[in-house]
Amino acid sequence: MRDYLSVIHDEFAILYDVVGIEGFGMDIEYKITADDQLFIKQARRWVSF
């Protein structure tokens, strides 16, 4: 899961032009199915940034 979250964070940091800026974070909604599959439902910039 950490690998997936790192990819999401890094891609959004590029999109928002905040690569390397301290305090940037993402709010992620996800679910894990009964079959142990991870689904990222939504990803958005953390509101306090």
C-alpha atoms as a PDB file:
ATOM      1  CA  MET A   1       0.000   0.000   0.000  1.00  0.00           C
ATOM      2  CA  ARG A   2       2.856   2.364   0.783  1.00  0.00           C
ATOM      3  CA  ASP A   3       4.164   2.004  -2.774  1.00  0.00           C
ATOM      4  CA  TYR A   4       0.784   2.926  -4.272  1.00  0.00           C
ATOM      5  CA  LEU A   5       0.374   5.905  -1.955  1.00  0.00           C
ATOM      6  CA  SER A   6       3.867   7.144  -2.819  1.00  0.00           C
ATOM      7  CA  VAL A   7       3.041   7.055  -6.532  1.00  0.00           C
ATOM      8  CA  ILE A   8      -0.186   9.003  -5.956  1.00  0.00           C
ATOM      9  CA  HIS A   9       1.595  11.568  -3.779  1.00  0.00           C
ATOM     10  CA  ASP A  10       4.455  12.056  -6.221  1.00  0.00           C
ATOM     11  CA  GLU A  11       2.211  12.381  -9.281  1.00  0.00           C
ATOM     12  CA  PHE A  12      -0.017  14.964  -7.593  1.00  0.00           C
ATOM     13  CA  ALA A  13       3.046  16.874  -6.361  1.00  0.00           C
ATOM     14  CA  ILE A  14       4.109  17.214  -9.998  1.00  0.00           C
ATOM     15  CA  LEU A  15       0.582  18.202 -11.051  1.00  0.00           C
ATOM     16  CA  TYR A  16       0.352  20.922  -8.365  1.00  0.00           C
ATOM     17  CA  ASP A  17       3.995  22.008  -8.859  1.00  0.00           C
ATOM     18  CA  VAL A  18       4.911  21.374  -5.220  1.00  0.00           C
ATOM     19  CA  VAL A  19       7.661  18.762  -5.577  1.00  0.00           C
ATOM     20  CA  GLY A  20       9.919  18.900  -2.521  1.00  0.00           C
ATOM     21  CA  ILE A  21       7.773  21.377  -0.607  1.00  0.00           C
ATOM     22  CA  GLU A  22       7.341  20.328   3.007  1.00  0.00           C
ATOM     23  CA  GLY A  23       3.790  19.894   4.222  1.00  0.00           C
ATOM     24  CA  PHE A  24       2.225  18.716   0.972  1.00  0.00           C
ATOM     25  CA  GLY A  25      -0.050  15.754   1.587  1.00  0.00           C
ATOM     26  CA  MET A  26      -2.848  13.791   0.024  1.00  0.00           C
ATOM     27  CA  ASP A  27      -6.205  12.657   1.354  1.00  0.00           C
ATOM     28  CA  ILE A  28      -6.911   9.165   0.034  1.00  0.00           C
ATOM     29  CA  GLU A  29     -10.118   7.138   0.136  1.00  0.00           C
ATOM     30  CA  TYR A  30      -9.646   3.455  -0.429  1.00  0.00           C
ATOM     31  CA  LYS A  31     -11.248   0.111   0.190  1.00  0.00           C
ATOM     32  CA  ILE A  32      -9.965  -3.408   0.531  1.00  0.00           C
ATOM     33  CA  THR A  33     -12.260  -6.072  -0.848  1.00  0.00           C
ATOM     34  CA  ALA A  34     -13.024  -9.463   0.633  1.00  0.00           C
ATOM     35  CA  ASP A  35     -10.501 -10.795  -1.923  1.00  0.00           C
ATOM     36  CA  ASP A  36      -7.779  -8.548  -0.422  1.00  0.00           C
ATOM     37  CA  GLN A  37      -7.705  -6.250  -3.449  1.00  0.00           C
ATOM     38  CA  LEU A  38      -6.880  -2.590  -2.856  1.00  0.00           C
ATOM     39  CA  PHE A  39      -9.042  -0.036  -4.645  1.00  0.00           C
ATOM     40  CA  ILE A  40      -8.176   3.660  -4.540  1.00  0.00           C
ATOM     41  CA  LYS A  41     -11.565   5.350  -4.669  1.00  0.00           C
ATOM     42  CA  GLN A  42     -10.502   8.994  -4.525  1.00  0.00           C
ATOM     43  CA  ALA A  43      -7.375  11.095  -4.082  1.00  0.00           C
ATOM     44  CA  ARG A  44      -7.258  14.808  -3.402  1.00  0.00           C
ATOM     45  CA  ARG A  45      -4.865  17.377  -2.032  1.00  0.00           C
ATOM     46  CA  TRP A  46      -4.849  17.727   1.758  1.00  0.00           C
ATOM     47  CA  VAL A  47      -6.912  20.827   2.573  1.00  0.00           C
ATOM     48  CA  SER A  48      -4.535  22.379   5.120  1.00  0.00           C
ATOM     49  CA  PHE A  49      -1.707  22.680   2.596  1.00  0.00           C
END
